[in-house]
Amino acid sequence: MGIKCIMKTILIAGGSGFIGSNLCIRLLKDNNNKVICVDNLYSSKIENIKTCIDNKNFTFIHHNIIEPLSIDEEIDEIYHLACPASPPIYQKDPIYTLKTNFIGTMNLLELARMKSAKILLASPPPPNLCKIISLKNKISSMNKNTIVGNNKKYSHFIFLK
């Protein structure tokens, strides 16, 4: 008597980024997964998932997670990888980065709640230069290197609530 594997539906927000695209590819190698890749291509490229496009178990949704996401089918797991991670990109629009980490995280948590799905927030460590100490030994908390560090704190805080 063989073991019957149940197909899981996995949503990957930020699925066409470096980590997300490799995760899509890996999860599709196991024929027991259906992968929904959600990305607005702000800091990634569709070419990263070109090997997935023709897979019958793969769906790409061009969507910005700052806006609520409506998915009709059941979702078992959500991987939240969506966030500009490259300094030149996140420094270009720090407010957008904040919205992605705060509002986007809230939207994905709500989707996970509605679908009774497990959710994972993948968060890179903030840059080493999160705080610059001025000559007066005061900590300056607002500089271009604090954008991701502070934004990740917001998304972590939401997960704890």
C-alpha atoms as a PDB file:
ATOM      1  CA  MET A   1       0.000   0.000   0.000  1.00  0.00           C
ATOM      2  CA  GLY A   2       1.604   3.269  -1.162  1.00  0.00           C
ATOM      3  CA  ILE A   3       1.533   6.547   0.631  1.00  0.00           C
ATOM      4  CA  LYS A   4      -0.748   9.076  -1.011  1.00  0.00           C
ATOM      5  CA  CYS A   5       0.666  12.595  -0.903  1.00  0.00           C
ATOM      6  CA  ILE A   6      -1.720  15.494  -0.672  1.00  0.00           C
ATOM      7  CA  MET A   7      -0.964  18.425  -2.956  1.00  0.00           C
ATOM      8  CA  LYS A   8      -0.259  21.658  -1.103  1.00  0.00           C
ATOM      9  CA  THR A   9      -0.995  25.094  -2.503  1.00  0.00           C
ATOM     10  CA  ILE A  10       1.792  27.493  -1.600  1.00  0.00           C
ATOM     11  CA  LEU A  11       1.693  31.237  -2.209  1.00  0.00           C
ATOM     12  CA  ILE A  12       5.050  32.990  -2.517  1.00  0.00           C
ATOM     13  CA  ALA A  13       4.883  36.784  -2.240  1.00  0.00           C
ATOM     14  CA  GLY A  14       7.980  38.193  -3.886  1.00  0.00           C
ATOM     15  CA  GLY A  15       8.212  34.980  -5.863  1.00  0.00           C
ATOM     16  CA  SER A  16      10.160  36.378  -8.799  1.00  0.00           C
ATOM     17  CA  GLY A  17      12.979  37.770  -6.663  1.00  0.00           C
ATOM     18  CA  PHE A  18      16.250  35.901  -6.169  1.00  0.00           C
ATOM     19  CA  ILE A  19      15.184  33.814  -3.181  1.00  0.00           C
ATOM     20  CA  GLY A  20      11.526  33.566  -4.221  1.00  0.00           C
ATOM     21  CA  SER A  21      12.267  32.341  -7.740  1.00  0.00           C
ATOM     22  CA  ASN A  22      14.609  29.647  -6.458  1.00  0.00           C
ATOM     23  CA  LEU A  23      11.962  28.606  -3.937  1.00  0.00           C
ATOM     24  CA  CYS A  24       9.339  28.399  -6.727  1.00  0.00           C
ATOM     25  CA  ILE A  25      11.657  26.211  -8.801  1.00  0.00           C
ATOM     26  CA  ARG A  26      12.435  23.927  -5.855  1.00  0.00           C
ATOM     27  CA  LEU A  27       8.820  23.542  -4.741  1.00  0.00           C
ATOM     28  CA  LEU A  28       7.695  22.699  -8.280  1.00  0.00           C
ATOM     29  CA  LYS A  29      10.258  19.886  -8.502  1.00  0.00           C
ATOM     30  CA  ASP A  30       8.101  18.091  -5.962  1.00  0.00           C
ATOM     31  CA  ASN A  31       4.965  17.262  -7.934  1.00  0.00           C
ATOM     32  CA  ASN A  32       2.914  17.532  -4.738  1.00  0.00           C
ATOM     33  CA  ASN A  33       2.929  21.339  -4.734  1.00  0.00           C
ATOM     34  CA  LYS A  34       0.948  23.968  -6.533  1.00  0.00           C
ATOM     35  CA  VAL A  35       2.797  27.300  -6.455  1.00  0.00           C
ATOM     36  CA  ILE A  36       1.182  30.725  -6.732  1.00  0.00           C
ATOM     37  CA  CYS A  37       3.833  33.375  -7.329  1.00  0.00           C
ATOM     38  CA  VAL A  38       2.736  36.907  -6.451  1.00  0.00           C
ATOM     39  CA  ASP A  39       5.036  39.759  -7.454  1.00  0.00           C
ATOM     40  CA  ASN A  40       4.734  43.280  -8.838  1.00  0.00           C
ATOM     41  CA  LEU A  41       8.196  43.083 -10.454  1.00  0.00           C
ATOM     42  CA  TYR A  42       9.288  46.308  -8.721  1.00  0.00           C
ATOM     43  CA  SER A  43      12.719  44.939  -7.834  1.00  0.00           C
ATOM     44  CA  SER A  44      12.727  41.589  -9.640  1.00  0.00           C
ATOM     45  CA  LYS A  45      12.406  40.191 -13.136  1.00  0.00           C
ATOM     46  CA  ILE A  46       9.949  37.818 -14.747  1.00  0.00           C
ATOM     47  CA  GLU A  47      12.960  36.081 -16.333  1.00  0.00           C
ATOM     48  CA  ASN A  48      13.782  34.652 -12.885  1.00  0.00           C
ATOM     49  CA  ILE A  49      10.710  32.394 -13.095  1.00  0.00           C
ATOM     50  CA  LYS A  50      10.767  31.617 -16.829  1.00  0.00           C
ATOM     51  CA  THR A  51      11.383  27.915 -16.140  1.00  0.00           C
ATOM     52  CA  CYS A  52       8.197  27.809 -14.054  1.00  0.00           C
ATOM     53  CA  ILE A  53       5.760  29.533 -16.410  1.00  0.00           C
ATOM     54  CA  ASP A  54       4.779  26.440 -18.432  1.00  0.00           C
ATOM     55  CA  ASN A  55       4.378  24.201 -15.372  1.00  0.00           C
ATOM     56  CA  LYS A  56       0.702  23.279 -14.917  1.00  0.00           C
ATOM     57  CA  ASN A  57       1.138  23.633 -11.125  1.00  0.00           C
ATOM     58  CA  PHE A  58       2.416  27.228 -11.382  1.00  0.00           C
ATOM     59  CA  THR A  59       0.442  30.462 -11.446  1.00  0.00           C
ATOM     60  CA  PHE A  60       1.935  33.953 -11.689  1.00  0.00           C
ATOM     61  CA  ILE A  61      -0.103  36.878 -10.372  1.00  0.00           C
ATOM     62  CA  HIS A  62       1.212  40.370 -11.093  1.00  0.00           C
ATOM     63  CA  HIS A  63       0.110  42.135  -7.911  1.00  0.00           C
ATOM     64  CA  ASN A  64       1.396  44.623  -5.358  1.00  0.00           C
ATOM     65  CA  ILE A  65       0.849  43.276  -1.827  1.00  0.00           C
ATOM     66  CA  ILE A  66       0.247  46.821  -0.600  1.00  0.00           C
ATOM     67  CA  GLU A  67      -3.221  46.168  -2.020  1.00  0.00           C
ATOM     68  CA  PRO A  68      -5.340  43.374  -0.496  1.00  0.00           C
ATOM     69  CA  LEU A  69      -5.026  40.087  -2.363  1.00  0.00           C
ATOM     70  CA  SER A  70      -8.041  37.972  -3.169  1.00  0.00           C
ATOM     71  CA  ILE A  71      -7.434  34.300  -3.993  1.00  0.00           C
ATOM     72  CA  ASP A  72     -10.394  31.997  -4.596  1.00  0.00           C
ATOM     73  CA  GLU A  73      -8.655  28.690  -4.018  1.00  0.00           C
ATOM     74  CA  GLU A  74      -7.478  27.262  -0.732  1.00  0.00           C
ATOM     75  CA  ILE A  75      -3.940  28.099   0.363  1.00  0.00           C
ATOM     76  CA  ASP A  76      -1.949  25.892   2.724  1.00  0.00           C
ATOM     77  CA  GLU A  77       1.198  27.977   3.154  1.00  0.00           C
ATOM     78  CA  ILE A  78       2.311  31.560   2.488  1.00  0.00           C
ATOM     79  CA  TYR A  79       5.937  32.620   2.205  1.00  0.00           C
ATOM     80  CA  HIS A  80       6.320  36.392   2.559  1.00  0.00           C
ATOM     81  CA  LEU A  81       9.519  37.323   0.720  1.00  0.00           C
ATOM     82  CA  ALA A  82       8.222  40.567  -0.783  1.00  0.00           C
ATOM     83  CA  CYS A  83      10.435  43.545  -0.071  1.00  0.00           C
ATOM     84  CA  PRO A  84      13.008  45.486  -2.029  1.00  0.00           C
ATOM     85  CA  ALA A  85      16.290  44.154  -0.615  1.00  0.00           C
ATOM     86  CA  SER A  86      18.861  45.938  -2.752  1.00  0.00           C
ATOM     87  CA  PRO A  87      20.057  49.218  -1.180  1.00  0.00           C
ATOM     88  CA  PRO A  88      19.822  51.262  -4.408  1.00  0.00           C
ATOM     89  CA  ILE A  89      16.225  50.072  -4.866  1.00  0.00           C
ATOM     90  CA  TYR A  90      14.935  50.456  -1.297  1.00  0.00           C
ATOM     91  CA  GLN A  91      16.695  53.807  -0.919  1.00  0.00           C
ATOM     92  CA  LYS A  92      14.993  55.087  -4.079  1.00  0.00           C
ATOM     93  CA  ASP A  93      11.587  55.075  -2.358  1.00  0.00           C
ATOM     94  CA  PRO A  94      11.753  54.439   1.406  1.00  0.00           C
ATOM     95  CA  ILE A  95       8.025  55.105   1.874  1.00  0.00           C
ATOM     96  CA  TYR A  96       7.202  52.361  -0.621  1.00  0.00           C
ATOM     97  CA  THR A  97       9.543  50.009   1.254  1.00  0.00           C
ATOM     98  CA  LEU A  98       7.757  50.876   4.499  1.00  0.00           C
ATOM     99  CA  LYS A  99       4.357  50.221   2.925  1.00  0.00           C
ATOM    100  CA  THR A 100       5.528  46.867   1.571  1.00  0.00           C
ATOM    101  CA  ASN A 101       6.748  45.777   4.988  1.00  0.00           C
ATOM    102  CA  PHE A 102       3.865  47.145   7.006  1.00  0.00           C
ATOM    103  CA  ILE A 103       0.724  47.167   4.862  1.00  0.00           C
ATOM    104  CA  GLY A 104       1.890  44.252   2.712  1.00  0.00           C
ATOM    105  CA  THR A 105       2.563  42.149   5.795  1.00  0.00           C
ATOM    106  CA  MET A 106      -0.854  43.018   7.228  1.00  0.00           C
ATOM    107  CA  ASN A 107      -2.517  42.021   3.943  1.00  0.00           C
ATOM    108  CA  LEU A 108      -0.711  38.682   3.818  1.00  0.00           C
ATOM    109  CA  LEU A 109      -1.500  37.977   7.465  1.00  0.00           C
ATOM    110  CA  GLU A 110      -5.176  38.670   6.747  1.00  0.00           C
ATOM    111  CA  LEU A 111      -5.069  36.333   3.749  1.00  0.00           C
ATOM    112  CA  ALA A 112      -3.445  33.648   5.926  1.00  0.00           C
ATOM    113  CA  ARG A 113      -6.171  34.142   8.550  1.00  0.00           C
ATOM    114  CA  MET A 114      -8.959  33.900   5.959  1.00  0.00           C
ATOM    115  CA  LYS A 115      -7.451  30.769   4.401  1.00  0.00           C
ATOM    116  CA  SER A 116      -6.267  29.196   7.695  1.00  0.00           C
ATOM    117  CA  ALA A 117      -2.826  29.014   6.090  1.00  0.00           C
ATOM    118  CA  LYS A 118       0.569  28.827   7.716  1.00  0.00           C
ATOM    119  CA  ILE A 119       2.660  31.928   7.027  1.00  0.00           C
ATOM    120  CA  LEU A 120       6.399  32.556   7.105  1.00  0.00           C
ATOM    121  CA  LEU A 121       8.006  36.005   7.042  1.00  0.00           C
ATOM    122  CA  ALA A 122      11.464  35.793   5.529  1.00  0.00           C
ATOM    123  CA  SER A 123      13.383  38.801   6.639  1.00  0.00           C
ATOM    124  CA  PRO A 124      16.967  39.625   5.758  1.00  0.00           C
ATOM    125  CA  PRO A 125      19.045  41.043   8.576  1.00  0.00           C
ATOM    126  CA  PRO A 126      19.254  44.823   8.525  1.00  0.00           C
ATOM    127  CA  PRO A 127      22.460  46.353   7.199  1.00  0.00           C
ATOM    128  CA  ASN A 128      25.367  46.612   9.622  1.00  0.00           C
ATOM    129  CA  LEU A 129      25.102  50.383   9.433  1.00  0.00           C
ATOM    130  CA  CYS A 130      21.621  50.598  10.942  1.00  0.00           C
ATOM    131  CA  LYS A 131      22.668  53.456  13.179  1.00  0.00           C
ATOM    132  CA  ILE A 132      25.363  56.024  12.723  1.00  0.00           C
ATOM    133  CA  ILE A 133      26.922  57.517  15.799  1.00  0.00           C
ATOM    134  CA  SER A 134      27.584  61.189  15.286  1.00  0.00           C
ATOM    135  CA  LEU A 135      30.632  63.005  16.564  1.00  0.00           C
ATOM    136  CA  LYS A 136      28.583  64.040  19.574  1.00  0.00           C
ATOM    137  CA  ASN A 137      28.005  60.335  20.416  1.00  0.00           C
ATOM    138  CA  LYS A 138      24.321  60.682  19.655  1.00  0.00           C
ATOM    139  CA  ILE A 139      22.599  58.027  17.661  1.00  0.00           C
ATOM    140  CA  SER A 140      21.132  59.165  14.377  1.00  0.00           C
ATOM    141  CA  SER A 141      18.241  56.889  13.531  1.00  0.00           C
ATOM    142  CA  MET A 142      17.338  58.421  10.182  1.00  0.00           C
ATOM    143  CA  ASN A 143      19.762  57.718   7.390  1.00  0.00           C
ATOM    144  CA  LYS A 144      19.606  55.784   4.165  1.00  0.00           C
ATOM    145  CA  ASN A 145      20.933  52.619   5.795  1.00  0.00           C
ATOM    146  CA  THR A 146      18.156  52.401   8.391  1.00  0.00           C
ATOM    147  CA  ILE A 147      15.307  52.031   5.916  1.00  0.00           C
ATOM    148  CA  VAL A 148      15.255  48.238   5.706  1.00  0.00           C
ATOM    149  CA  GLY A 149      16.233  47.695   9.342  1.00  0.00           C
ATOM    150  CA  ASN A 150      13.431  49.845  10.694  1.00  0.00           C
ATOM    151  CA  ASN A 151      10.914  48.520   8.187  1.00  0.00           C
ATOM    152  CA  LYS A 152      11.681  44.928   9.108  1.00  0.00           C
ATOM    153  CA  LYS A 153      11.075  45.822  12.756  1.00  0.00           C
ATOM    154  CA  TYR A 154       7.540  46.928  11.793  1.00  0.00           C
ATOM    155  CA  SER A 155       6.759  43.697   9.978  1.00  0.00           C
ATOM    156  CA  HIS A 156       8.186  41.617  12.839  1.00  0.00           C
ATOM    157  CA  PHE A 157       6.066  43.588  15.306  1.00  0.00           C
ATOM    158  CA  ILE A 158       2.897  42.835  13.303  1.00  0.00           C
ATOM    159  CA  PHE A 159       3.694  39.115  13.409  1.00  0.00           C
ATOM    160  CA  LEU A 160       3.956  39.242  17.186  1.00  0.00           C
ATOM    161  CA  LYS A 161       0.518  40.845  17.616  1.00  0.00           C
END
